[in-house]
PDB file of N, CA and C in Angstrom:
ATOM      1  N   TYR A   1     -40.545  -5.161  51.656  1.00  0.00           N
ATOM      2  CA  TYR A   1     -41.000  -5.093  50.247  1.00  0.00           C
ATOM      3  C   TYR A   1     -40.398  -3.870  49.578  1.00  0.00           C
ATOM      4  N   ASN A   2     -40.362  -2.777  50.294  1.00  0.00           N
ATOM      5  CA  ASN A   2     -39.857  -1.525  49.684  1.00  0.00           C
ATOM      6  C   ASN A   2     -38.382  -1.643  49.354  1.00  0.00           C
ATOM      7  N   ARG A   3     -37.611  -2.295  50.248  1.00  0.00           N
ATOM      8  CA  ARG A   3     -36.191  -2.440  49.963  1.00  0.00           C
ATOM      9  C   ARG A   3     -35.962  -3.350  48.757  1.00  0.00           C
ATOM     10  N   ILE A   4     -36.748  -4.419  48.646  1.00  0.00           N
ATOM     11  CA  ILE A   4     -36.588  -5.332  47.525  1.00  0.00           C
ATOM     12  C   ILE A   4     -36.942  -4.628  46.231  1.00  0.00           C
ATOM     13  N   ALA A   5     -38.001  -3.846  46.244  1.00  0.00           N
ATOM     14  CA  ALA A   5     -38.421  -3.123  45.048  1.00  0.00           C
ATOM     15  C   ALA A   5     -37.355  -2.086  44.658  1.00  0.00           C
ATOM     16  N   LYS A   6     -36.798  -1.429  45.648  1.00  0.00           N
ATOM     17  CA  LYS A   6     -35.757  -0.403  45.381  1.00  0.00           C
ATOM     18  C   LYS A   6     -34.499  -1.057  44.818  1.00  0.00           C
ATOM     19  N   LYS A   7     -34.156  -2.248  45.348  1.00  0.00           N
ATOM     20  CA  LYS A   7     -32.991  -2.947  44.853  1.00  0.00           C
ATOM     21  C   LYS A   7     -33.209  -3.412  43.414  1.00  0.00           C
ATOM     22  N   PHE A   8     -34.417  -3.927  43.146  1.00  0.00           N
ATOM     23  CA  PHE A   8     -34.752  -4.354  41.799  1.00  0.00           C
ATOM     24  C   PHE A   8     -34.727  -3.186  40.823  1.00  0.00           C
ATOM     25  N   TYR A   9     -35.249  -2.030  41.289  1.00  0.00           N
ATOM     26  CA  TYR A   9     -35.280  -0.832  40.443  1.00  0.00           C
ATOM     27  C   TYR A   9     -33.859  -0.355  40.164  1.00  0.00           C
ATOM     28  N   HIS A  10     -32.977  -0.444  41.146  1.00  0.00           N
ATOM     29  CA  HIS A  10     -31.588  -0.036  40.954  1.00  0.00           C
ATOM     30  C   HIS A  10     -30.896  -0.920  39.939  1.00  0.00           C
ATOM     31  N   CYS A  11     -31.120  -2.230  40.042  1.00  0.00           N
ATOM     32  CA  CYS A  11     -30.541  -3.158  39.068  1.00  0.00           C
ATOM     33  C   CYS A  11     -31.089  -2.892  37.699  1.00  0.00           C
ATOM     34  N   PHE A  12     -32.388  -2.532  37.630  1.00  0.00           N
ATOM     35  CA  PHE A  12     -32.999  -2.234  36.343  1.00  0.00           C
ATOM     36  C   PHE A  12     -32.368  -0.992  35.701  1.00  0.00           C
ATOM     37  N   LEU A  13     -32.099   0.025  36.507  1.00  0.00           N
ATOM     38  CA  LEU A  13     -31.471   1.224  35.986  1.00  0.00           C
ATOM     39  C   LEU A  13     -30.045   0.935  35.531  1.00  0.00           C
ATOM     40  N   GLN A  14     -29.333   0.100  36.297  1.00  0.00           N
ATOM     41  CA  GLN A  14     -27.971  -0.253  35.912  1.00  0.00           C
ATOM     42  C   GLN A  14     -27.960  -1.019  34.591  1.00  0.00           C
ATOM     43  N   MET A  15     -28.952  -1.897  34.380  1.00  0.00           N
ATOM     44  CA  MET A  15     -29.037  -2.664  33.146  1.00  0.00           C
ATOM     45  C   MET A  15     -29.323  -1.744  31.975  1.00  0.00           C
ATOM     46  N   ILE A  16     -30.199  -0.749  32.177  1.00  0.00           N
ATOM     47  CA  ILE A  16     -30.510   0.195  31.110  1.00  0.00           C
ATOM     48  C   ILE A  16     -29.278   1.021  30.771  1.00  0.00           C
ATOM     49  N   LYS A  17     -28.552   1.437  31.809  1.00  0.00           N
ATOM     50  CA  LYS A  17     -27.332   2.224  31.566  1.00  0.00           C
ATOM     51  C   LYS A  17     -26.298   1.402  30.840  1.00  0.00           C
ATOM     52  N   TYR A  18     -26.177   0.092  31.219  1.00  0.00           N
ATOM     53  CA  TYR A  18     -25.200  -0.782  30.587  1.00  0.00           C
ATOM     54  C   TYR A  18     -25.552  -0.996  29.121  1.00  0.00           C
ATOM     55  N   PHE A  19     -26.845  -1.283  28.829  1.00  0.00           N
ATOM     56  CA  PHE A  19     -27.236  -1.510  27.455  1.00  0.00           C
ATOM     57  C   PHE A  19     -27.100  -0.228  26.633  1.00  0.00           C
ATOM     58  N   GLY A  20     -27.355   0.911  27.248  1.00  0.00           N
ATOM     59  CA  GLY A  20     -27.220   2.161  26.554  1.00  0.00           C
ATOM     60  C   GLY A  20     -25.751   2.426  26.177  1.00  0.00           C
ATOM     61  N   ARG A  21     -24.867   2.004  27.084  1.00  0.00           N
ATOM     62  CA  ARG A  21     -23.450   2.181  26.844  1.00  0.00           C
ATOM     63  C   ARG A  21     -22.996   1.253  25.706  1.00  0.00           C
ATOM     64  N   VAL A  22     -23.475   0.027  25.727  1.00  0.00           N
ATOM     65  CA  VAL A  22     -23.117  -0.942  24.691  1.00  0.00           C
ATOM     66  C   VAL A  22     -23.651  -0.494  23.334  1.00  0.00           C
ATOM     67  N   GLU A  23     -24.875   0.042  23.327  1.00  0.00           N
ATOM     68  CA  GLU A  23     -25.441   0.526  22.075  1.00  0.00           C
ATOM     69  C   GLU A  23     -24.647   1.713  21.560  1.00  0.00           C
ATOM     70  N   HIS A  24     -24.214   2.565  22.479  1.00  0.00           N
ATOM     71  CA  HIS A  24     -23.449   3.748  22.093  1.00  0.00           C
ATOM     72  C   HIS A  24     -22.094   3.348  21.520  1.00  0.00           C
ATOM     73  N   THR A  25     -21.451   2.363  22.137  1.00  0.00           N
ATOM     74  CA  THR A  25     -20.142   1.915  21.655  1.00  0.00           C
ATOM     75  C   THR A  25     -20.265   1.184  20.325  1.00  0.00           C
ATOM     76  N   SER A  26     -21.408   0.512  20.112  1.00  0.00           N
ATOM     77  CA  SER A  26     -21.578  -0.209  18.855  1.00  0.00           C
ATOM     78  C   SER A  26     -21.761   0.775  17.695  1.00  0.00           C
ATOM     79  N   GLN A  27     -22.218   1.975  18.004  1.00  0.00           N
ATOM     80  CA  GLN A  27     -22.374   2.974  16.947  1.00  0.00           C
ATOM     81  C   GLN A  27     -21.041   3.532  16.487  1.00  0.00           C
ATOM     82  N   LEU A  28     -20.027   3.419  17.338  1.00  0.00           N
ATOM     83  CA  LEU A  28     -18.715   3.934  16.970  1.00  0.00           C
ATOM     84  C   LEU A  28     -18.073   3.069  15.897  1.00  0.00           C
ATOM     85  N   PHE A  29     -18.371   1.758  15.893  1.00  0.00           N
ATOM     86  CA  PHE A  29     -17.735   0.850  14.936  1.00  0.00           C
ATOM     87  C   PHE A  29     -18.543   0.747  13.662  1.00  0.00           C
TER      88      PHE A  29
END
């Protein structure tokens, strides 16, 4: 259970980082 939760949390952080990057790049245009 702990590994699954950690994996899900890692994917969640990656998704936040990705959306943050997309939002940041959209501000440039």
